[in-house]
């Protein structure tokens, strides 16, 4: 069953809507320091977002493997999923 329009409605209120995705997703060959700076910049935007919780839940529920979603990097989401599995 495909998600309903309402399931995606939160994206309309996202701070990142209409912004370049470059700050949220790693370019090919990005170094560690550059990645950390870019991710920190993305997280600052996420902190201001009224739908940060919905975004984070979406990324966790769909196992989003790339980018900063809901103020979390792909690695942070992976660690969170692992912790949740262990707690179950």
PDB file of N, CA and C in Angstrom:
ATOM      1  N   UNK A   1       0.842  -1.179   0.000  1.00  0.00           N
ATOM      2  CA  UNK A   1       0.000   0.000   0.000  1.00  0.00           C
ATOM      3  C   UNK A   1       0.889   1.244   0.000  1.00  0.00           C
ATOM      4  N   UNK A   2       0.640   2.148  -0.916  1.00  0.00           N
ATOM      5  CA  UNK A   2       1.429   3.377  -1.026  1.00  0.00           C
ATOM      6  C   UNK A   2       1.053   4.340   0.095  1.00  0.00           C
ATOM      7  N   UNK A   3       2.033   5.121   0.581  1.00  0.00           N
ATOM      8  CA  UNK A   3       1.731   6.096   1.630  1.00  0.00           C
ATOM      9  C   UNK A   3       0.746   7.137   1.117  1.00  0.00           C
ATOM     10  N   UNK A   4      -0.134   7.569   1.993  1.00  0.00           N
ATOM     11  CA  UNK A   4      -1.096   8.602   1.623  1.00  0.00           C
ATOM     12  C   UNK A   4      -0.405   9.958   1.589  1.00  0.00           C
ATOM     13  N   UNK A   5      -1.079  10.915   0.975  1.00  0.00           N
ATOM     14  CA  UNK A   5      -0.542  12.279   0.895  1.00  0.00           C
ATOM     15  C   UNK A   5      -0.273  12.828   2.293  1.00  0.00           C
ATOM     16  N   UNK A   6      -1.155  12.498   3.243  1.00  0.00           N
ATOM     17  CA  UNK A   6      -0.999  12.992   4.610  1.00  0.00           C
ATOM     18  C   UNK A   6       0.307  12.502   5.242  1.00  0.00           C
ATOM     19  N   UNK A   7       0.742  11.316   4.860  1.00  0.00           N
ATOM     20  CA  UNK A   7       1.976  10.760   5.413  1.00  0.00           C
ATOM     21  C   UNK A   7       3.195  11.601   5.038  1.00  0.00           C
ATOM     22  N   UNK A   8       3.099  12.333   3.963  1.00  0.00           N
ATOM     23  CA  UNK A   8       4.215  13.166   3.485  1.00  0.00           C
ATOM     24  C   UNK A   8       4.017  14.645   3.799  1.00  0.00           C
ATOM     25  N   UNK A   9       2.891  15.009   4.355  1.00  0.00           N
ATOM     26  CA  UNK A   9       2.532  16.411   4.582  1.00  0.00           C
ATOM     27  C   UNK A   9       3.575  17.163   5.407  1.00  0.00           C
ATOM     28  N   UNK A  10       4.225  16.499   6.353  1.00  0.00           N
ATOM     29  CA  UNK A  10       5.207  17.151   7.219  1.00  0.00           C
ATOM     30  C   UNK A  10       6.329  17.792   6.409  1.00  0.00           C
ATOM     31  N   UNK A  11       6.649  17.221   5.254  1.00  0.00           N
ATOM     32  CA  UNK A  11       7.755  17.741   4.446  1.00  0.00           C
ATOM     33  C   UNK A  11       7.504  19.167   3.961  1.00  0.00           C
ATOM     34  N   UNK A  12       6.250  19.548   3.837  1.00  0.00           N
ATOM     35  CA  UNK A  12       5.929  20.904   3.388  1.00  0.00           C
ATOM     36  C   UNK A  12       6.387  21.964   4.382  1.00  0.00           C
ATOM     37  N   UNK A  13       6.490  21.598   5.642  1.00  0.00           N
ATOM     38  CA  UNK A  13       6.892  22.537   6.691  1.00  0.00           C
ATOM     39  C   UNK A  13       8.368  22.467   7.049  1.00  0.00           C
ATOM     40  N   UNK A  14       9.122  21.645   6.361  1.00  0.00           N
ATOM     41  CA  UNK A  14      10.539  21.457   6.677  1.00  0.00           C
ATOM     42  C   UNK A  14      11.373  22.690   6.331  1.00  0.00           C
ATOM     43  N   UNK A  15      12.299  23.026   7.213  1.00  0.00           N
ATOM     44  CA  UNK A  15      13.209  24.159   6.999  1.00  0.00           C
ATOM     45  C   UNK A  15      14.055  23.948   5.739  1.00  0.00           C
ATOM     46  N   UNK A  16      14.383  22.713   5.446  1.00  0.00           N
ATOM     47  CA  UNK A  16      15.253  22.413   4.307  1.00  0.00           C
ATOM     48  C   UNK A  16      14.518  22.472   2.965  1.00  0.00           C
ATOM     49  N   UNK A  17      13.201  22.532   2.988  1.00  0.00           N
ATOM     50  CA  UNK A  17      12.427  22.546   1.748  1.00  0.00           C
ATOM     51  C   UNK A  17      12.857  23.717   0.868  1.00  0.00           C
ATOM     52  N   UNK A  18      13.244  23.421  -0.351  1.00  0.00           N
ATOM     53  CA  UNK A  18      13.656  24.451  -1.297  1.00  0.00           C
ATOM     54  C   UNK A  18      15.127  24.826  -1.201  1.00  0.00           C
ATOM     55  N   UNK A  19      15.815  24.310  -0.190  1.00  0.00           N
ATOM     56  CA  UNK A  19      17.256  24.584  -0.051  1.00  0.00           C
ATOM     57  C   UNK A  19      18.037  23.528  -0.820  1.00  0.00           C
ATOM     58  N   UNK A  20      19.269  23.840  -1.130  1.00  0.00           N
ATOM     59  CA  UNK A  20      20.145  22.883  -1.789  1.00  0.00           C
ATOM     60  C   UNK A  20      20.373  21.689  -0.868  1.00  0.00           C
ATOM     61  N   UNK A  21      20.352  20.501  -1.427  1.00  0.00           N
ATOM     62  CA  UNK A  21      20.575  19.297  -0.621  1.00  0.00           C
ATOM     63  C   UNK A  21      22.056  19.066  -0.340  1.00  0.00           C
ATOM     64  N   UNK A  22      22.924  19.903  -0.904  1.00  0.00           N
ATOM     65  CA  UNK A  22      24.373  19.735  -0.731  1.00  0.00           C
ATOM     66  C   UNK A  22      24.803  19.705   0.734  1.00  0.00           C
ATOM     67  N   UNK A  23      24.132  20.447   1.581  1.00  0.00           N
ATOM     68  CA  UNK A  23      24.524  20.483   2.991  1.00  0.00           C
ATOM     69  C   UNK A  23      24.097  19.203   3.718  1.00  0.00           C
ATOM     70  N   UNK A  24      23.119  18.495   3.187  1.00  0.00           N
ATOM     71  CA  UNK A  24      22.575  17.312   3.853  1.00  0.00           C
ATOM     72  C   UNK A  24      23.166  15.998   3.357  1.00  0.00           C
ATOM     73  N   UNK A  25      23.770  16.019   2.173  1.00  0.00           N
ATOM     74  CA  UNK A  25      24.290  14.783   1.577  1.00  0.00           C
ATOM     75  C   UNK A  25      25.740  14.949   1.150  1.00  0.00           C
ATOM     76  N   UNK A  26      26.521  13.914   1.402  1.00  0.00           N
ATOM     77  CA  UNK A  26      27.956  13.917   1.164  1.00  0.00           C
ATOM     78  C   UNK A  26      28.305  13.801  -0.318  1.00  0.00           C
ATOM     79  N   UNK A  27      29.137  14.719  -0.799  1.00  0.00           N
ATOM     80  CA  UNK A  27      29.621  14.573  -2.180  1.00  0.00           C
ATOM     81  C   UNK A  27      30.698  13.486  -2.247  1.00  0.00           C
ATOM     82  N   UNK A  28      30.909  12.974  -3.407  1.00  0.00           N
ATOM     83  CA  UNK A  28      31.934  11.950  -3.619  1.00  0.00           C
ATOM     84  C   UNK A  28      33.301  12.492  -3.225  1.00  0.00           C
ATOM     85  N   UNK A  29      34.058  11.709  -2.485  1.00  0.00           N
ATOM     86  CA  UNK A  29      35.415  12.075  -2.115  1.00  0.00           C
ATOM     87  C   UNK A  29      35.529  13.064  -0.971  1.00  0.00           C
ATOM     88  N   UNK A  30      34.450  13.321  -0.265  1.00  0.00           N
ATOM     89  CA  UNK A  30      34.477  14.279   0.845  1.00  0.00           C
ATOM     90  C   UNK A  30      35.355  13.755   1.979  1.00  0.00           C
ATOM     91  N   UNK A  31      36.233  14.588   2.481  1.00  0.00           N
ATOM     92  CA  UNK A  31      37.108  14.216   3.585  1.00  0.00           C
ATOM     93  C   UNK A  31      36.381  14.257   4.916  1.00  0.00           C
ATOM     94  N   UNK A  32      37.010  13.676   5.915  1.00  0.00           N
ATOM     95  CA  UNK A  32      36.406  13.574   7.241  1.00  0.00           C
ATOM     96  C   UNK A  32      36.101  14.942   7.856  1.00  0.00           C
ATOM     97  N   UNK A  33      37.044  15.858   7.790  1.00  0.00           N
ATOM     98  CA  UNK A  33      36.846  17.183   8.382  1.00  0.00           C
ATOM     99  C   UNK A  33      35.740  17.933   7.653  1.00  0.00           C
ATOM    100  N   UNK A  34      35.756  17.886   6.327  1.00  0.00           N
ATOM    101  CA  UNK A  34      34.726  18.554   5.535  1.00  0.00           C
ATOM    102  C   UNK A  34      33.350  17.946   5.825  1.00  0.00           C
ATOM    103  N   UNK A  35      33.304  16.618   5.961  1.00  0.00           N
ATOM    104  CA  UNK A  35      32.035  15.950   6.258  1.00  0.00           C
ATOM    105  C   UNK A  35      31.495  16.406   7.600  1.00  0.00           C
ATOM    106  N   UNK A  36      32.361  16.441   8.594  1.00  0.00           N
ATOM    107  CA  UNK A  36      31.933  16.854   9.933  1.00  0.00           C
ATOM    108  C   UNK A  36      31.402  18.287   9.911  1.00  0.00           C
ATOM    109  N   UNK A  37      32.081  19.178   9.198  1.00  0.00           N
ATOM    110  CA  UNK A  37      31.631  20.570   9.114  1.00  0.00           C
ATOM    111  C   UNK A  37      30.281  20.671   8.403  1.00  0.00           C
ATOM    112  N   UNK A  38      30.136  19.926   7.311  1.00  0.00           N
ATOM    113  CA  UNK A  38      28.884  19.951   6.552  1.00  0.00           C
ATOM    114  C   UNK A  38      27.743  19.393   7.400  1.00  0.00           C
ATOM    115  N   UNK A  39      27.991  18.288   8.085  1.00  0.00           N
ATOM    116  CA  UNK A  39      26.964  17.685   8.931  1.00  0.00           C
ATOM    117  C   UNK A  39      26.581  18.607  10.082  1.00  0.00           C
ATOM    118  N   UNK A  40      27.555  19.287  10.662  1.00  0.00           N
ATOM    119  CA  UNK A  40      27.255  20.239  11.735  1.00  0.00           C
ATOM    120  C   UNK A  40      26.383  21.375  11.215  1.00  0.00           C
ATOM    121  N   UNK A  41      26.663  21.847  10.012  1.00  0.00           N
ATOM    122  CA  UNK A  41      25.857  22.907   9.394  1.00  0.00           C
ATOM    123  C   UNK A  41      24.421  22.413   9.160  1.00  0.00           C
ATOM    124  N   UNK A  42      24.288  21.195   8.685  1.00  0.00           N
ATOM    125  CA  UNK A  42      22.964  20.620   8.454  1.00  0.00           C
ATOM    126  C   UNK A  42      22.200  20.498   9.771  1.00  0.00           C
ATOM    127  N   UNK A  43      22.888  20.066  10.816  1.00  0.00           N
ATOM    128  CA  UNK A  43      22.234  19.892  12.112  1.00  0.00           C
ATOM    129  C   UNK A  43      21.742  21.216  12.684  1.00  0.00           C
ATOM    130  N   UNK A  44      22.457  22.293  12.426  1.00  0.00           N
ATOM    131  CA  UNK A  44      22.007  23.617  12.870  1.00  0.00           C
ATOM    132  C   UNK A  44      20.675  23.962  12.204  1.00  0.00           C
ATOM    133  N   UNK A  45      20.568  23.673  10.912  1.00  0.00           N
ATOM    134  CA  UNK A  45      19.296  23.898  10.209  1.00  0.00           C
ATOM    135  C   UNK A  45      18.202  23.005  10.792  1.00  0.00           C
ATOM    136  N   UNK A  46      18.530  21.766  11.048  1.00  0.00           N
ATOM    137  CA  UNK A  46      17.546  20.828  11.592  1.00  0.00           C
ATOM    138  C   UNK A  46      17.033  21.284  12.954  1.00  0.00           C
ATOM    139  N   UNK A  47      17.910  21.829  13.777  1.00  0.00           N
ATOM    140  CA  UNK A  47      17.511  22.280  15.113  1.00  0.00           C
ATOM    141  C   UNK A  47      16.426  23.354  15.054  1.00  0.00           C
ATOM    142  N   UNK A  48      16.363  24.087  13.953  1.00  0.00           N
ATOM    143  CA  UNK A  48      15.388  25.161  13.778  1.00  0.00           C
ATOM    144  C   UNK A  48      14.090  24.666  13.145  1.00  0.00           C
ATOM    145  N   UNK A  49      14.037  23.403  12.797  1.00  0.00           N
ATOM    146  CA  UNK A  49      12.941  22.871  12.006  1.00  0.00           C
ATOM    147  C   UNK A  49      11.759  22.423  12.870  1.00  0.00           C
ATOM    148  N   UNK A  50      10.544  22.856  12.503  1.00  0.00           N
ATOM    149  CA  UNK A  50       9.368  22.461  13.278  1.00  0.00           C
ATOM    150  C   UNK A  50       8.968  20.998  13.094  1.00  0.00           C
ATOM    151  N   UNK A  51       9.528  20.330  12.087  1.00  0.00           N
ATOM    152  CA  UNK A  51       9.156  18.931  11.833  1.00  0.00           C
ATOM    153  C   UNK A  51      10.346  17.983  12.014  1.00  0.00           C
ATOM    154  N   UNK A  52      11.286  18.364  12.860  1.00  0.00           N
ATOM    155  CA  UNK A  52      12.483  17.547  13.073  1.00  0.00           C
ATOM    156  C   UNK A  52      12.112  16.135  13.549  1.00  0.00           C
ATOM    157  N   UNK A  53      11.129  16.023  14.418  1.00  0.00           N
ATOM    158  CA  UNK A  53      10.737  14.697  14.931  1.00  0.00           C
ATOM    159  C   UNK A  53      10.171  13.809  13.833  1.00  0.00           C
ATOM    160  N   UNK A  54       9.299  14.368  13.003  1.00  0.00           N
ATOM    161  CA  UNK A  54       8.716  13.596  11.912  1.00  0.00           C
ATOM    162  C   UNK A  54       9.794  13.170  10.915  1.00  0.00           C
ATOM    163  N   UNK A  55      10.713  14.055  10.633  1.00  0.00           N
ATOM    164  CA  UNK A  55      11.804  13.776   9.701  1.00  0.00           C
ATOM    165  C   UNK A  55      12.680  12.648  10.245  1.00  0.00           C
ATOM    166  N   UNK A  56      13.025  12.751  11.506  1.00  0.00           N
ATOM    167  CA  UNK A  56      13.862  11.727  12.150  1.00  0.00           C
ATOM    168  C   UNK A  56      13.151  10.374  12.146  1.00  0.00           C
ATOM    169  N   UNK A  57      11.876  10.370  12.507  1.00  0.00           N
ATOM    170  CA  UNK A  57      11.114   9.126  12.529  1.00  0.00           C
ATOM    171  C   UNK A  57      11.025   8.508  11.140  1.00  0.00           C
ATOM    172  N   UNK A  58      10.831   9.336  10.121  1.00  0.00           N
ATOM    173  CA  UNK A  58      10.783   8.849   8.745  1.00  0.00           C
ATOM    174  C   UNK A  58      12.094   8.163   8.383  1.00  0.00           C
ATOM    175  N   UNK A  59      13.211   8.832   8.654  1.00  0.00           N
ATOM    176  CA  UNK A  59      14.525   8.286   8.306  1.00  0.00           C
ATOM    177  C   UNK A  59      14.813   6.992   9.053  1.00  0.00           C
ATOM    178  N   UNK A  60      14.427   6.920  10.313  1.00  0.00           N
ATOM    179  CA  UNK A  60      14.633   5.700  11.094  1.00  0.00           C
ATOM    180  C   UNK A  60      13.730   4.571  10.589  1.00  0.00           C
ATOM    181  N   UNK A  61      12.481   4.886  10.312  1.00  0.00           N
ATOM    182  CA  UNK A  61      11.522   3.870   9.880  1.00  0.00           C
ATOM    183  C   UNK A  61      11.838   3.306   8.499  1.00  0.00           C
ATOM    184  N   UNK A  62      12.417   4.136   7.645  1.00  0.00           N
ATOM    185  CA  UNK A  62      12.715   3.695   6.276  1.00  0.00           C
ATOM    186  C   UNK A  62      14.159   3.244   6.111  1.00  0.00           C
ATOM    187  N   UNK A  63      14.916   3.245   7.208  1.00  0.00           N
ATOM    188  CA  UNK A  63      16.333   2.875   7.163  1.00  0.00           C
ATOM    189  C   UNK A  63      17.092   3.698   6.126  1.00  0.00           C
ATOM    190  N   UNK A  64      16.819   4.991   6.108  1.00  0.00           N
ATOM    191  CA  UNK A  64      17.483   5.894   5.168  1.00  0.00           C
ATOM    192  C   UNK A  64      18.998   5.783   5.347  1.00  0.00           C
ATOM    193  N   UNK A  65      19.728   5.357   4.308  1.00  0.00           N
ATOM    194  CA  UNK A  65      21.158   5.105   4.456  1.00  0.00           C
ATOM    195  C   UNK A  65      22.069   6.306   4.204  1.00  0.00           C
ATOM    196  N   UNK A  66      21.503   7.422   3.761  1.00  0.00           N
ATOM    197  CA  UNK A  66      22.341   8.554   3.376  1.00  0.00           C
ATOM    198  C   UNK A  66      21.848   9.855   3.989  1.00  0.00           C
ATOM    199  N   UNK A  67      22.779  10.763   4.216  1.00  0.00           N
ATOM    200  CA  UNK A  67      22.440  12.132   4.565  1.00  0.00           C
ATOM    201  C   UNK A  67      22.060  12.376   6.007  1.00  0.00           C
ATOM    202  N   UNK A  68      21.832  13.662   6.280  1.00  0.00           N
ATOM    203  CA  UNK A  68      21.370  14.115   7.588  1.00  0.00           C
ATOM    204  C   UNK A  68      19.854  14.277   7.489  1.00  0.00           C
ATOM    205  N   UNK A  69      19.149  13.579   8.336  1.00  0.00           N
ATOM    206  CA  UNK A  69      17.691  13.635   8.411  1.00  0.00           C
ATOM    207  C   UNK A  69      17.314  13.808   9.876  1.00  0.00           C
ATOM    208  N   UNK A  70      16.455  14.762  10.160  1.00  0.00           N
ATOM    209  CA  UNK A  70      16.006  14.938  11.543  1.00  0.00           C
ATOM    210  C   UNK A  70      17.135  15.204  12.503  1.00  0.00           C
ATOM    211  N   UNK A  71      18.188  15.847  12.011  1.00  0.00           N
ATOM    212  CA  UNK A  71      19.324  16.181  12.866  1.00  0.00           C
ATOM    213  C   UNK A  71      20.242  15.024  13.178  1.00  0.00           C
ATOM    214  N   UNK A  72      20.088  13.917  12.450  1.00  0.00           N
ATOM    215  CA  UNK A  72      20.937  12.744  12.681  1.00  0.00           C
ATOM    216  C   UNK A  72      21.637  12.329  11.393  1.00  0.00           C
ATOM    217  N   UNK A  73      22.898  11.969  11.525  1.00  0.00           N
ATOM    218  CA  UNK A  73      23.647  11.450  10.383  1.00  0.00           C
ATOM    219  C   UNK A  73      23.251   9.986  10.153  1.00  0.00           C
ATOM    220  N   UNK A  74      23.658   9.451   9.021  1.00  0.00           N
ATOM    221  CA  UNK A  74      23.385   8.046   8.725  1.00  0.00           C
ATOM    222  C   UNK A  74      23.991   7.146   9.806  1.00  0.00           C
ATOM    223  N   UNK A  75      25.183   7.466  10.239  1.00  0.00           N
ATOM    224  CA  UNK A  75      25.833   6.672  11.291  1.00  0.00           C
ATOM    225  C   UNK A  75      25.064   6.759  12.600  1.00  0.00           C
ATOM    226  N   UNK A  76      24.634   7.940  12.980  1.00  0.00           N
ATOM    227  CA  UNK A  76      23.872   8.111  14.213  1.00  0.00           C
ATOM    228  C   UNK A  76      22.548   7.338  14.156  1.00  0.00           C
ATOM    229  N   UNK A  77      21.913   7.344  12.993  1.00  0.00           N
ATOM    230  CA  UNK A  77      20.665   6.586  12.849  1.00  0.00           C
ATOM    231  C   UNK A  77      20.928   5.090  12.968  1.00  0.00           C
ATOM    232  N   UNK A  78      22.014   4.633  12.368  1.00  0.00           N
ATOM    233  CA  UNK A  78      22.368   3.217  12.453  1.00  0.00           C
ATOM    234  C   UNK A  78      22.609   2.816  13.907  1.00  0.00           C
ATOM    235  N   UNK A  79      23.333   3.644  14.638  1.00  0.00           N
ATOM    236  CA  UNK A  79      23.592   3.365  16.050  1.00  0.00           C
ATOM    237  C   UNK A  79      22.297   3.367  16.862  1.00  0.00           C
ATOM    238  N   UNK A  80      21.395   4.279  16.545  1.00  0.00           N
ATOM    239  CA  UNK A  80      20.106   4.352  17.244  1.00  0.00           C
ATOM    240  C   UNK A  80      19.284   3.091  16.986  1.00  0.00           C
ATOM    241  N   UNK A  81      19.239   2.643  15.729  1.00  0.00           N
ATOM    242  CA  UNK A  81      18.494   1.427  15.401  1.00  0.00           C
ATOM    243  C   UNK A  81      19.075   0.223  16.140  1.00  0.00           C
ATOM    244  N   UNK A  82      20.389   0.150  16.184  1.00  0.00           N
ATOM    245  CA  UNK A  82      21.055  -0.957  16.902  1.00  0.00           C
ATOM    246  C   UNK A  82      20.710  -0.915  18.385  1.00  0.00           C
ATOM    247  N   UNK A  83      20.752   0.259  18.977  1.00  0.00           N
ATOM    248  CA  UNK A  83      20.416   0.410  20.396  1.00  0.00           C
ATOM    249  C   UNK A  83      18.970   0.023  20.661  1.00  0.00           C
ATOM    250  N   UNK A  84      18.065   0.415  19.766  1.00  0.00           N
ATOM    251  CA  UNK A  84      16.654   0.079  19.935  1.00  0.00           C
ATOM    252  C   UNK A  84      16.425  -1.425  19.824  1.00  0.00           C
ATOM    253  N   UNK A  85      17.163  -2.074  18.921  1.00  0.00           N
ATOM    254  CA  UNK A  85      17.032  -3.528  18.777  1.00  0.00           C
ATOM    255  C   UNK A  85      17.524  -4.242  20.033  1.00  0.00           C
ATOM    256  N   UNK A  86      18.626  -3.746  20.596  1.00  0.00           N
ATOM    257  CA  UNK A  86      19.176  -4.357  21.815  1.00  0.00           C
ATOM    258  C   UNK A  86      18.247  -4.170  23.002  1.00  0.00           C
ATOM    259  N   UNK A  87      17.557  -3.038  23.027  1.00  0.00           N
ATOM    260  CA  UNK A  87      16.663  -2.731  24.148  1.00  0.00           C
ATOM    261  C   UNK A  87      15.373  -3.564  24.073  1.00  0.00           C
ATOM    262  N   UNK A  88      15.072  -4.095  22.904  1.00  0.00           N
ATOM    263  CA  UNK A  88      13.829  -4.872  22.731  1.00  0.00           C
ATOM    264  C   UNK A  88      13.936  -6.248  23.333  1.00  0.00           C
TER     265      UNK A  88
END
